[in-house]
Amino acid sequence: MKASELQNAKNPDLIASLVAIKRAASLARQTAIQTNTAIVVIKDGVLCTISAEELKQQEQA
């Protein structure tokens, strides 16, 4: 389901899910930086590892 489709959903929990997912992703990045560990994400269908150093650089940009 796309973000634009979520905004038109009838279930309020479904609408709020996108905000919750973004909040969880932000917390995961913060934790990875604090513990100096990488995170693994799927970007454009490809499994990618992002190091804590890369996360720090992205945060500063």
C-alpha atoms as a PDB file:
ATOM      1  CA  MET A   1       0.000   0.000   0.000  1.00  0.00           C
ATOM      2  CA  LYS A   2       1.359   3.405  -0.951  1.00  0.00           C
ATOM      3  CA  ALA A   3       1.459   6.431   1.359  1.00  0.00           C
ATOM      4  CA  SER A   4      -1.234   8.183  -0.684  1.00  0.00           C
ATOM      5  CA  GLU A   5      -3.497   5.137  -0.326  1.00  0.00           C
ATOM      6  CA  LEU A   6      -2.928   5.060   3.441  1.00  0.00           C
ATOM      7  CA  GLN A   7      -4.245   8.603   3.797  1.00  0.00           C
ATOM      8  CA  ASN A   8      -7.533   7.527   2.232  1.00  0.00           C
ATOM      9  CA  ALA A   9      -7.929   4.391   4.368  1.00  0.00           C
ATOM     10  CA  LYS A  10     -11.053   4.007   6.488  1.00  0.00           C
ATOM     11  CA  ASN A  11      -9.264   2.398   9.434  1.00  0.00           C
ATOM     12  CA  PRO A  12      -7.590   5.061  11.646  1.00  0.00           C
ATOM     13  CA  ASP A  13      -4.953   2.553  12.790  1.00  0.00           C
ATOM     14  CA  LEU A  14      -3.935   1.989   9.199  1.00  0.00           C
ATOM     15  CA  ILE A  15      -3.605   5.735   8.647  1.00  0.00           C
ATOM     16  CA  ALA A  16      -1.378   6.072  11.729  1.00  0.00           C
ATOM     17  CA  SER A  17       0.786   3.093  10.748  1.00  0.00           C
ATOM     18  CA  LEU A  18       2.971   5.110   8.363  1.00  0.00           C
ATOM     19  CA  VAL A  19       3.882   7.565  11.133  1.00  0.00           C
ATOM     20  CA  ALA A  20       4.658   4.657  13.474  1.00  0.00           C
ATOM     21  CA  ILE A  21       6.884   2.978  10.871  1.00  0.00           C
ATOM     22  CA  LYS A  22       8.825   6.199  10.279  1.00  0.00           C
ATOM     23  CA  ARG A  23       9.248   6.689  14.035  1.00  0.00           C
ATOM     24  CA  ALA A  24      10.522   3.114  14.432  1.00  0.00           C
ATOM     25  CA  ALA A  25      12.988   3.563  11.566  1.00  0.00           C
ATOM     26  CA  SER A  26      14.328   6.751  13.153  1.00  0.00           C
ATOM     27  CA  LEU A  27      14.783   5.020  16.505  1.00  0.00           C
ATOM     28  CA  ALA A  28      16.553   2.093  14.804  1.00  0.00           C
ATOM     29  CA  ARG A  29      18.987   4.514  13.163  1.00  0.00           C
ATOM     30  CA  GLN A  30      19.646   6.278  16.475  1.00  0.00           C
ATOM     31  CA  THR A  31      20.267   2.957  18.223  1.00  0.00           C
ATOM     32  CA  ALA A  32      22.635   1.820  15.461  1.00  0.00           C
ATOM     33  CA  ILE A  33      24.645   5.035  15.805  1.00  0.00           C
ATOM     34  CA  GLN A  34      24.795   4.737  19.605  1.00  0.00           C
ATOM     35  CA  THR A  35      25.913   1.106  19.491  1.00  0.00           C
ATOM     36  CA  ASN A  36      28.149   1.558  16.425  1.00  0.00           C
ATOM     37  CA  THR A  37      26.363  -1.166  14.483  1.00  0.00           C
ATOM     38  CA  ALA A  38      25.001  -1.305  10.966  1.00  0.00           C
ATOM     39  CA  ILE A  39      21.387  -1.589   9.894  1.00  0.00           C
ATOM     40  CA  VAL A  40      20.095  -3.687   7.025  1.00  0.00           C
ATOM     41  CA  VAL A  41      17.420  -2.297   4.716  1.00  0.00           C
ATOM     42  CA  ILE A  42      15.864  -3.177   1.399  1.00  0.00           C
ATOM     43  CA  LYS A  43      16.310  -0.328  -1.075  1.00  0.00           C
ATOM     44  CA  ASP A  44      14.860  -0.659  -4.563  1.00  0.00           C
ATOM     45  CA  GLY A  45      14.536  -4.400  -3.999  1.00  0.00           C
ATOM     46  CA  VAL A  46      18.199  -4.816  -3.009  1.00  0.00           C
ATOM     47  CA  LEU A  47      19.403  -5.784   0.463  1.00  0.00           C
ATOM     48  CA  CYS A  48      21.757  -3.024   1.711  1.00  0.00           C
ATOM     49  CA  THR A  49      23.863  -2.662   4.846  1.00  0.00           C
ATOM     50  CA  ILE A  50      24.318   0.881   6.144  1.00  0.00           C
ATOM     51  CA  SER A  51      27.153   1.363   8.618  1.00  0.00           C
ATOM     52  CA  ALA A  52      26.901   3.530  11.714  1.00  0.00           C
ATOM     53  CA  GLU A  53      29.367   5.937  10.112  1.00  0.00           C
ATOM     54  CA  GLU A  54      27.148   6.316   7.042  1.00  0.00           C
ATOM     55  CA  LEU A  55      24.144   6.889   9.306  1.00  0.00           C
ATOM     56  CA  LYS A  56      26.046   9.632  11.142  1.00  0.00           C
ATOM     57  CA  GLN A  57      26.872  11.318   7.814  1.00  0.00           C
ATOM     58  CA  GLN A  58      23.250  11.107   6.676  1.00  0.00           C
ATOM     59  CA  GLU A  59      22.103  12.615   9.969  1.00  0.00           C
ATOM     60  CA  GLN A  60      24.446  15.586   9.548  1.00  0.00           C
ATOM     61  CA  ALA A  61      23.325  16.280   5.971  1.00  0.00           C
END
